[in-house]
Every structure is written in C-alpha cells, then in structure tokens.
Amino acid sequence: MPNNMRKALTLTATALALTACQVGAQNNPGTMSSASQSSPAPKPVTATSQSLGDVNPATPADLVQQLQQGGHVIVFRYTGATYPQNPAPAIDGAIDDGQRISDQSTAMMAALGEQYSKLKIPVDRVWSSEYYFVYQHALAAFGEPVTMNRDLTGSLAPFF
C-alpha cells in the first residue's frame, strides 16, 4: 500500500504493526478510493514544549467504522513475556534474548485477533520487530504470515 494511502490512527509503541486494506472507500466520501489519488502531505511534527499535552484523548465515537474502512497503520506494544529456563529455539533471523510470550499474553493476543475478525476490521499485513517474543505476539493475534522488520526493532537491538 503506498505511503500516501496510509493514515496514522493510533501509535502506542513500536513493536507490532498492522496495515489494513483500503476497504469500502468507494462508499465513503472523503476517503481514498484509488492509488492514483493523493492526500496532502502530512505536516511535520515539531516539539514545541516538554509537555505531553492530552495524554488521555477521547476515543472517536465512530472508531470501529473508521477501522473497518481500512487504510490505517496500527501499532501495538507487546503485552508480556517470560524468561523460561529452557526456552524453545527462536526462528531463524530473530533476535533471541531468551524471552518468550507468556500464557496470559498468548490469550490476550488471541482475543485481540478475534476482536478484529468479529468487528470485520481488515488486516492486510502484520509486521513485528526482530525480537522473537514480539514475533510470537503478532503470531498469536493474527497468525501467519508475520514479517519481521528492522525498523520496528529499535536502536538498542544488536547488529548481526
């Protein structure tokens, strides 16, 4: 999906990202209906103070409808991990710091994925950071395929 078709909806942390399909745009005036249309370039964000501003913004009344329309990039933070004594091996290419998704987190992420299905929120792609336990969160919520992406890993990750 081209960058000009994405709009940020919610950013809570960099760990797991989803991109939703552009669905229903032709039925919704004001939304993008084809890649040939473009929206104005976003204004750059400039910090003007050290204040965080509104740390508890109101949830839009039509949030579900907005998500159902697609075209959003949604970012989640992982929910929790454990350090088992003998962890199962991580997949190739993952950063393995010994953390694994906890049973409670597996259930929470599965419930999240079920809500996306129940509410008919389209998910086009699922990305995770290169940390294996974050990958496990994405997998628990949305199943395969999950693509690991260095841009979501952060600057503290070891270089290979």
N, C-alpha and C. Protein backbone atom coordinates (compact mmCIF):
# COMPACT_ATOMS: atom_id res chain seq x y z
N MET A 1 0.85 -1.16 0.00
CA MET A 1 0.00 0.00 0.00
C MET A 1 0.90 1.23 0.00
N PRO A 2 0.73 2.16 -0.91
CA PRO A 2 1.57 3.36 -0.95
C PRO A 2 1.42 4.18 0.31
N ASN A 3 2.51 4.86 0.68
CA ASN A 3 2.51 5.66 1.90
C ASN A 3 1.42 6.72 1.88
N ASN A 4 1.10 7.26 0.70
CA ASN A 4 0.09 8.31 0.66
C ASN A 4 -1.31 7.79 0.93
N MET A 5 -1.49 6.47 1.00
CA MET A 5 -2.79 5.90 1.31
C MET A 5 -2.93 5.54 2.79
N ARG A 6 -1.87 5.67 3.53
CA ARG A 6 -1.90 5.31 4.94
C ARG A 6 -2.17 6.54 5.77
N LYS A 7 -2.90 6.37 6.82
CA LYS A 7 -3.02 7.45 7.79
C LYS A 7 -2.84 6.85 9.17
N ALA A 8 -2.11 7.54 9.97
CA ALA A 8 -1.85 7.04 11.32
C ALA A 8 -3.11 7.20 12.14
N LEU A 9 -3.48 6.17 12.87
CA LEU A 9 -4.65 6.25 13.73
C LEU A 9 -4.22 6.23 15.19
N THR A 10 -3.46 5.24 15.55
CA THR A 10 -3.05 5.10 16.93
C THR A 10 -1.63 4.59 16.97
N LEU A 11 -0.78 5.23 17.75
CA LEU A 11 0.58 4.77 17.95
C LEU A 11 0.80 4.65 19.44
N THR A 12 1.05 3.44 19.92
CA THR A 12 1.26 3.25 21.34
C THR A 12 2.69 2.84 21.65
N ALA A 13 3.37 2.21 20.74
CA ALA A 13 4.76 1.82 20.91
C ALA A 13 5.22 1.16 19.62
N THR A 14 6.52 0.95 19.49
CA THR A 14 6.99 0.26 18.30
C THR A 14 7.28 -1.17 18.66
N ALA A 15 6.43 -2.06 18.23
CA ALA A 15 6.63 -3.47 18.47
C ALA A 15 5.96 -4.30 17.39
N LEU A 16 4.70 -4.08 17.15
CA LEU A 16 3.92 -4.89 16.24
C LEU A 16 3.08 -3.95 15.41
N ALA A 17 3.18 -4.03 14.09
CA ALA A 17 2.42 -3.11 13.25
C ALA A 17 1.55 -3.88 12.28
N LEU A 18 0.40 -3.32 12.00
CA LEU A 18 -0.54 -3.91 11.06
C LEU A 18 -0.86 -2.86 10.01
N THR A 19 -1.05 -3.28 8.79
CA THR A 19 -1.60 -2.36 7.81
C THR A 19 -2.91 -2.94 7.33
N ALA A 20 -3.91 -2.13 7.30
CA ALA A 20 -5.25 -2.59 6.94
C ALA A 20 -5.52 -2.26 5.48
N CYS A 21 -6.30 -3.12 4.83
CA CYS A 21 -6.67 -2.91 3.43
C CYS A 21 -7.53 -1.67 3.30
N GLN A 22 -7.49 -1.06 2.15
CA GLN A 22 -8.37 0.06 1.85
C GLN A 22 -9.68 -0.55 1.38
N VAL A 23 -10.64 -0.72 2.29
CA VAL A 23 -11.91 -1.38 2.01
C VAL A 23 -13.03 -0.37 2.13
N GLY A 24 -13.96 -0.40 1.21
CA GLY A 24 -15.15 0.43 1.31
C GLY A 24 -14.92 1.90 1.00
N ALA A 25 -13.78 2.27 0.50
CA ALA A 25 -13.50 3.68 0.26
C ALA A 25 -14.45 4.27 -0.78
N GLN A 26 -14.86 3.46 -1.77
CA GLN A 26 -15.73 3.98 -2.80
C GLN A 26 -17.11 4.35 -2.24
N ASN A 27 -17.48 3.81 -1.09
CA ASN A 27 -18.76 4.12 -0.48
C ASN A 27 -18.67 5.20 0.58
N ASN A 28 -17.51 5.74 0.80
CA ASN A 28 -17.31 6.71 1.86
C ASN A 28 -16.67 7.97 1.31
N PRO A 29 -17.46 9.01 1.09
CA PRO A 29 -16.89 10.26 0.58
C PRO A 29 -15.77 10.74 1.49
N GLY A 30 -14.76 11.28 0.86
CA GLY A 30 -13.64 11.83 1.62
C GLY A 30 -12.53 10.84 1.88
N THR A 31 -12.73 9.56 1.52
CA THR A 31 -11.66 8.60 1.70
C THR A 31 -11.02 8.31 0.36
N MET A 32 -9.84 7.75 0.39
CA MET A 32 -9.12 7.43 -0.85
C MET A 32 -9.76 6.22 -1.50
N SER A 33 -9.99 6.25 -2.79
CA SER A 33 -10.56 5.10 -3.46
C SER A 33 -9.62 4.49 -4.47
N SER A 34 -8.51 5.13 -4.78
CA SER A 34 -7.55 4.51 -5.68
C SER A 34 -6.16 5.06 -5.38
N ALA A 35 -5.17 4.32 -5.80
CA ALA A 35 -3.79 4.73 -5.56
C ALA A 35 -3.43 5.98 -6.34
N SER A 36 -4.21 6.30 -7.39
CA SER A 36 -3.87 7.46 -8.20
C SER A 36 -4.22 8.77 -7.51
N GLN A 37 -5.15 8.72 -6.53
CA GLN A 37 -5.47 9.92 -5.78
C GLN A 37 -4.42 10.11 -4.71
N SER A 38 -4.23 11.33 -4.31
CA SER A 38 -3.27 11.57 -3.24
C SER A 38 -3.85 12.53 -2.24
N SER A 39 -3.38 12.41 -1.01
CA SER A 39 -3.81 13.33 0.03
C SER A 39 -2.70 14.35 0.24
N PRO A 40 -3.03 15.46 0.87
CA PRO A 40 -1.98 16.45 1.12
C PRO A 40 -0.87 15.83 1.96
N ALA A 41 0.33 16.30 1.73
CA ALA A 41 1.46 15.79 2.51
C ALA A 41 1.24 16.13 3.98
N PRO A 42 1.55 15.18 4.89
CA PRO A 42 1.36 15.47 6.30
C PRO A 42 2.30 16.58 6.74
N LYS A 43 1.83 17.38 7.69
CA LYS A 43 2.66 18.43 8.24
C LYS A 43 3.70 17.80 9.16
N PRO A 44 4.93 18.31 9.13
CA PRO A 44 5.94 17.74 10.03
C PRO A 44 5.57 18.02 11.48
N VAL A 45 5.91 17.08 12.34
CA VAL A 45 5.66 17.23 13.77
C VAL A 45 6.86 17.93 14.38
N THR A 46 6.60 18.98 15.11
CA THR A 46 7.67 19.73 15.75
C THR A 46 7.35 19.86 17.24
N ALA A 47 8.28 19.44 18.08
CA ALA A 47 8.09 19.59 19.52
C ALA A 47 8.20 21.06 19.88
N THR A 48 7.18 21.56 20.56
CA THR A 48 7.18 22.97 20.96
C THR A 48 7.31 23.14 22.46
N SER A 49 7.22 22.04 23.19
CA SER A 49 7.38 22.11 24.64
C SER A 49 7.74 20.72 25.14
N GLN A 50 8.00 20.62 26.41
CA GLN A 50 8.29 19.32 27.00
C GLN A 50 7.02 18.66 27.54
N SER A 51 5.90 19.35 27.45
CA SER A 51 4.63 18.81 27.91
C SER A 51 4.12 17.77 26.93
N LEU A 52 3.49 16.73 27.44
CA LEU A 52 2.93 15.70 26.59
C LEU A 52 1.58 16.08 26.02
N GLY A 53 0.97 17.15 26.53
CA GLY A 53 -0.34 17.54 26.04
C GLY A 53 -1.40 16.60 26.57
N ASP A 54 -2.40 16.30 25.76
CA ASP A 54 -3.52 15.47 26.18
C ASP A 54 -3.08 14.01 26.19
N VAL A 55 -2.84 13.47 27.36
CA VAL A 55 -2.39 12.08 27.47
C VAL A 55 -3.56 11.11 27.54
N ASN A 56 -4.78 11.61 27.60
CA ASN A 56 -5.98 10.78 27.61
C ASN A 56 -6.98 11.31 26.58
N PRO A 57 -6.63 11.23 25.29
CA PRO A 57 -7.55 11.76 24.27
C PRO A 57 -8.83 10.94 24.23
N ALA A 58 -9.90 11.58 23.84
CA ALA A 58 -11.19 10.90 23.71
C ALA A 58 -11.15 9.91 22.56
N THR A 59 -11.81 8.80 22.72
CA THR A 59 -11.93 7.81 21.65
C THR A 59 -13.05 8.26 20.72
N PRO A 60 -12.78 8.33 19.41
CA PRO A 60 -13.84 8.75 18.48
C PRO A 60 -15.04 7.81 18.57
N ALA A 61 -16.22 8.36 18.53
CA ALA A 61 -17.44 7.55 18.60
C ALA A 61 -17.53 6.57 17.43
N ASP A 62 -16.95 6.93 16.30
CA ASP A 62 -17.02 6.08 15.10
C ASP A 62 -15.71 5.31 14.86
N LEU A 63 -14.98 5.02 15.91
CA LEU A 63 -13.68 4.35 15.76
C LEU A 63 -13.78 3.03 15.00
N VAL A 64 -14.75 2.20 15.33
CA VAL A 64 -14.88 0.90 14.65
C VAL A 64 -15.14 1.12 13.17
N GLN A 65 -16.00 2.04 12.83
CA GLN A 65 -16.29 2.31 11.42
C GLN A 65 -15.04 2.82 10.70
N GLN A 66 -14.27 3.67 11.36
CA GLN A 66 -13.02 4.14 10.75
C GLN A 66 -12.08 2.97 10.49
N LEU A 67 -11.96 2.08 11.45
CA LEU A 67 -11.07 0.92 11.27
C LEU A 67 -11.58 -0.02 10.19
N GLN A 68 -12.89 -0.18 10.10
CA GLN A 68 -13.47 -1.05 9.08
C GLN A 68 -13.24 -0.53 7.67
N GLN A 69 -13.06 0.78 7.52
CA GLN A 69 -12.80 1.37 6.20
C GLN A 69 -11.39 1.03 5.71
N GLY A 70 -10.50 0.70 6.60
CA GLY A 70 -9.14 0.35 6.21
C GLY A 70 -8.29 1.58 5.96
N GLY A 71 -7.07 1.33 5.51
CA GLY A 71 -6.15 2.40 5.19
C GLY A 71 -5.36 2.93 6.37
N HIS A 72 -5.35 2.22 7.47
CA HIS A 72 -4.66 2.68 8.68
C HIS A 72 -3.41 1.85 8.95
N VAL A 73 -2.49 2.44 9.63
CA VAL A 73 -1.36 1.71 10.20
C VAL A 73 -1.58 1.74 11.70
N ILE A 74 -1.67 0.58 12.31
CA ILE A 74 -1.97 0.47 13.73
C ILE A 74 -0.79 -0.22 14.40
N VAL A 75 -0.31 0.36 15.47
CA VAL A 75 0.87 -0.17 16.15
C VAL A 75 0.49 -0.59 17.57
N PHE A 76 0.90 -1.78 17.96
CA PHE A 76 0.66 -2.30 19.30
C PHE A 76 1.98 -2.54 20.00
N ARG A 77 1.94 -2.50 21.30
CA ARG A 77 3.08 -2.90 22.10
C ARG A 77 2.79 -4.32 22.59
N TYR A 78 3.84 -5.12 22.69
CA TYR A 78 3.65 -6.47 23.20
C TYR A 78 3.11 -6.41 24.62
N THR A 79 2.47 -7.51 25.06
CA THR A 79 1.77 -7.48 26.34
C THR A 79 2.54 -8.09 27.49
N GLY A 80 3.47 -8.93 27.26
CA GLY A 80 4.23 -9.52 28.36
C GLY A 80 5.02 -10.73 27.91
N ALA A 81 6.08 -10.99 28.61
CA ALA A 81 6.94 -12.11 28.27
C ALA A 81 7.48 -12.75 29.54
N THR A 82 8.00 -13.93 29.38
CA THR A 82 8.62 -14.65 30.49
C THR A 82 10.03 -15.03 30.07
N TYR A 83 10.82 -15.48 31.04
CA TYR A 83 12.17 -15.99 30.77
C TYR A 83 12.22 -17.45 31.21
N PRO A 84 11.76 -18.37 30.36
CA PRO A 84 11.80 -19.78 30.76
C PRO A 84 13.24 -20.27 30.88
N GLN A 85 13.43 -21.29 31.72
CA GLN A 85 14.78 -21.82 31.91
C GLN A 85 15.32 -22.50 30.66
N ASN A 86 14.48 -23.19 29.94
CA ASN A 86 14.90 -23.88 28.72
C ASN A 86 13.97 -23.50 27.58
N PRO A 87 14.12 -22.28 27.05
CA PRO A 87 13.19 -21.84 26.00
C PRO A 87 13.37 -22.64 24.71
N ALA A 88 12.25 -22.82 24.02
CA ALA A 88 12.32 -23.44 22.70
C ALA A 88 13.11 -22.49 21.79
N PRO A 89 13.80 -23.04 20.80
CA PRO A 89 14.60 -22.17 19.92
C PRO A 89 13.73 -21.16 19.16
N ALA A 90 14.28 -19.99 18.94
CA ALA A 90 13.62 -18.96 18.15
C ALA A 90 13.76 -19.30 16.67
N ILE A 91 12.96 -18.67 15.86
CA ILE A 91 13.06 -18.90 14.42
C ILE A 91 14.31 -18.20 13.88
N ASP A 92 14.78 -18.66 12.74
CA ASP A 92 15.95 -18.05 12.11
C ASP A 92 15.69 -16.58 11.81
N GLY A 93 16.70 -15.75 12.05
CA GLY A 93 16.61 -14.33 11.76
C GLY A 93 16.06 -13.50 12.90
N ALA A 94 15.57 -14.14 13.95
CA ALA A 94 15.01 -13.41 15.09
C ALA A 94 16.10 -13.10 16.11
N ILE A 95 15.91 -12.03 16.84
CA ILE A 95 16.79 -11.72 17.97
C ILE A 95 16.26 -12.51 19.15
N ASP A 96 17.08 -13.38 19.69
CA ASP A 96 16.65 -14.25 20.79
C ASP A 96 17.35 -13.83 22.07
N ASP A 97 16.60 -13.08 22.91
CA ASP A 97 17.16 -12.67 24.20
C ASP A 97 16.65 -13.57 25.33
N GLY A 98 16.04 -14.69 24.97
CA GLY A 98 15.56 -15.65 25.95
C GLY A 98 14.12 -15.43 26.37
N GLN A 99 13.53 -14.28 26.03
CA GLN A 99 12.14 -14.03 26.39
C GLN A 99 11.22 -14.84 25.47
N ARG A 100 10.11 -15.27 26.05
CA ARG A 100 9.06 -15.94 25.29
C ARG A 100 7.73 -15.36 25.73
N ILE A 101 6.75 -15.39 24.85
CA ILE A 101 5.42 -14.89 25.17
C ILE A 101 4.86 -15.71 26.33
N SER A 102 4.20 -15.02 27.27
CA SER A 102 3.61 -15.71 28.41
C SER A 102 2.27 -16.31 28.00
N ASP A 103 1.79 -17.26 28.78
CA ASP A 103 0.48 -17.85 28.50
C ASP A 103 -0.62 -16.80 28.57
N GLN A 104 -0.54 -15.90 29.53
CA GLN A 104 -1.53 -14.83 29.66
C GLN A 104 -1.49 -13.92 28.42
N SER A 105 -0.30 -13.60 27.96
CA SER A 105 -0.18 -12.75 26.77
C SER A 105 -0.68 -13.45 25.52
N THR A 106 -0.44 -14.76 25.42
CA THR A 106 -0.95 -15.52 24.28
C THR A 106 -2.47 -15.41 24.24
N ALA A 107 -3.11 -15.57 25.39
CA ALA A 107 -4.58 -15.46 25.45
C ALA A 107 -5.04 -14.05 25.11
N MET A 108 -4.34 -13.03 25.61
CA MET A 108 -4.72 -11.65 25.33
C MET A 108 -4.58 -11.33 23.84
N MET A 109 -3.51 -11.78 23.22
CA MET A 109 -3.30 -11.50 21.80
C MET A 109 -4.29 -12.27 20.94
N ALA A 110 -4.61 -13.51 21.33
CA ALA A 110 -5.62 -14.27 20.59
C ALA A 110 -6.97 -13.56 20.67
N ALA A 111 -7.31 -13.02 21.84
CA ALA A 111 -8.57 -12.28 22.00
C ALA A 111 -8.57 -11.02 21.13
N LEU A 112 -7.42 -10.36 21.03
CA LEU A 112 -7.32 -9.18 20.18
C LEU A 112 -7.60 -9.55 18.72
N GLY A 113 -6.95 -10.61 18.25
CA GLY A 113 -7.17 -11.06 16.87
C GLY A 113 -8.62 -11.44 16.63
N GLU A 114 -9.25 -12.08 17.62
CA GLU A 114 -10.66 -12.45 17.49
C GLU A 114 -11.55 -11.21 17.37
N GLN A 115 -11.22 -10.14 18.10
CA GLN A 115 -11.99 -8.90 18.01
C GLN A 115 -11.87 -8.28 16.62
N TYR A 116 -10.69 -8.33 16.04
CA TYR A 116 -10.53 -7.81 14.67
C TYR A 116 -11.42 -8.59 13.71
N SER A 117 -11.47 -9.90 13.86
CA SER A 117 -12.33 -10.72 12.99
C SER A 117 -13.80 -10.41 13.25
N LYS A 118 -14.19 -10.40 14.52
CA LYS A 118 -15.59 -10.15 14.90
C LYS A 118 -16.08 -8.80 14.38
N LEU A 119 -15.23 -7.78 14.49
CA LEU A 119 -15.61 -6.44 14.07
C LEU A 119 -15.37 -6.19 12.57
N LYS A 120 -14.86 -7.21 11.88
CA LYS A 120 -14.59 -7.11 10.44
C LYS A 120 -13.63 -5.98 10.11
N ILE A 121 -12.56 -5.88 10.91
CA ILE A 121 -11.51 -4.90 10.67
C ILE A 121 -10.47 -5.57 9.77
N PRO A 122 -10.27 -5.06 8.56
CA PRO A 122 -9.36 -5.72 7.63
C PRO A 122 -7.89 -5.58 8.06
N VAL A 123 -7.16 -6.66 7.89
CA VAL A 123 -5.72 -6.66 8.16
C VAL A 123 -5.04 -7.18 6.90
N ASP A 124 -4.23 -6.32 6.29
CA ASP A 124 -3.55 -6.67 5.06
C ASP A 124 -2.19 -7.31 5.33
N ARG A 125 -1.44 -6.73 6.27
CA ARG A 125 -0.10 -7.21 6.59
C ARG A 125 0.13 -7.12 8.08
N VAL A 126 0.96 -8.01 8.60
CA VAL A 126 1.35 -7.98 10.01
C VAL A 126 2.87 -7.97 10.06
N TRP A 127 3.40 -6.98 10.74
CA TRP A 127 4.85 -6.85 10.91
C TRP A 127 5.18 -6.90 12.39
N SER A 128 6.35 -7.39 12.72
CA SER A 128 6.81 -7.32 14.10
C SER A 128 8.26 -6.88 14.10
N SER A 129 8.74 -6.51 15.27
CA SER A 129 10.17 -6.25 15.40
C SER A 129 10.90 -7.58 15.24
N GLU A 130 12.21 -7.53 15.30
CA GLU A 130 13.01 -8.74 15.13
C GLU A 130 13.14 -9.56 16.42
N TYR A 131 12.60 -9.05 17.53
CA TYR A 131 12.64 -9.82 18.77
C TYR A 131 11.66 -10.97 18.68
N TYR A 132 12.13 -12.16 19.00
CA TYR A 132 11.30 -13.35 18.85
C TYR A 132 10.02 -13.27 19.67
N PHE A 133 10.09 -12.79 20.91
CA PHE A 133 8.88 -12.76 21.73
C PHE A 133 7.86 -11.77 21.18
N VAL A 134 8.29 -10.73 20.48
CA VAL A 134 7.36 -9.80 19.84
C VAL A 134 6.72 -10.49 18.63
N TYR A 135 7.53 -11.21 17.87
CA TYR A 135 7.02 -12.01 16.75
C TYR A 135 5.95 -12.98 17.26
N GLN A 136 6.19 -13.61 18.42
CA GLN A 136 5.22 -14.54 18.98
C GLN A 136 3.89 -13.83 19.28
N HIS A 137 3.95 -12.58 19.72
CA HIS A 137 2.73 -11.82 19.98
C HIS A 137 1.94 -11.61 18.69
N ALA A 138 2.63 -11.22 17.63
CA ALA A 138 1.97 -11.00 16.35
C ALA A 138 1.34 -12.29 15.84
N LEU A 139 2.06 -13.37 15.97
CA LEU A 139 1.58 -14.68 15.52
C LEU A 139 0.35 -15.11 16.31
N ALA A 140 0.37 -14.90 17.63
CA ALA A 140 -0.76 -15.29 18.47
C ALA A 140 -2.02 -14.51 18.11
N ALA A 141 -1.86 -13.24 17.72
CA ALA A 141 -3.02 -12.40 17.40
C ALA A 141 -3.55 -12.64 16.00
N PHE A 142 -2.66 -12.75 15.02
CA PHE A 142 -3.11 -12.71 13.64
C PHE A 142 -2.68 -13.89 12.78
N GLY A 143 -1.88 -14.80 13.32
CA GLY A 143 -1.45 -15.95 12.55
C GLY A 143 -0.44 -15.57 11.48
N GLU A 144 -0.14 -16.52 10.63
CA GLU A 144 0.82 -16.31 9.54
C GLU A 144 0.17 -15.55 8.39
N PRO A 145 0.92 -14.83 7.62
CA PRO A 145 2.35 -14.57 7.76
C PRO A 145 2.61 -13.34 8.64
N VAL A 146 3.73 -13.37 9.32
CA VAL A 146 4.22 -12.24 10.10
C VAL A 146 5.60 -11.91 9.54
N THR A 147 5.83 -10.67 9.20
CA THR A 147 7.11 -10.23 8.65
C THR A 147 7.88 -9.45 9.70
N MET A 148 9.09 -9.89 9.99
CA MET A 148 9.94 -9.13 10.90
C MET A 148 10.53 -7.94 10.16
N ASN A 149 10.58 -6.80 10.84
CA ASN A 149 11.03 -5.57 10.20
C ASN A 149 11.99 -4.84 11.13
N ARG A 150 13.19 -4.60 10.66
CA ARG A 150 14.22 -3.94 11.46
C ARG A 150 13.79 -2.56 11.94
N ASP A 151 12.99 -1.85 11.16
CA ASP A 151 12.55 -0.52 11.55
C ASP A 151 11.70 -0.54 12.82
N LEU A 152 11.11 -1.67 13.15
CA LEU A 152 10.31 -1.78 14.36
C LEU A 152 11.12 -2.28 15.56
N THR A 153 12.35 -2.67 15.32
CA THR A 153 13.19 -3.26 16.37
C THR A 153 13.72 -2.22 17.32
N GLY A 154 14.12 -1.08 16.82
CA GLY A 154 14.66 -0.05 17.68
C GLY A 154 16.17 -0.02 17.63
N SER A 155 16.72 1.05 18.15
CA SER A 155 18.16 1.27 18.03
C SER A 155 18.98 0.50 19.04
N LEU A 156 18.36 -0.12 20.04
CA LEU A 156 19.12 -0.85 21.05
C LEU A 156 19.38 -2.30 20.64
N ALA A 157 18.81 -2.71 19.52
CA ALA A 157 18.97 -4.10 19.08
C ALA A 157 20.41 -4.36 18.66
N PRO A 158 20.88 -5.55 18.95
CA PRO A 158 22.23 -5.90 18.50
C PRO A 158 22.27 -5.99 16.97
N PHE A 159 23.40 -5.64 16.40
CA PHE A 159 23.54 -5.75 14.96
C PHE A 159 24.10 -7.13 14.63
N PHE A 160 23.61 -7.70 13.55
CA PHE A 160 24.07 -9.03 13.15
C PHE A 160 25.23 -8.90 12.23
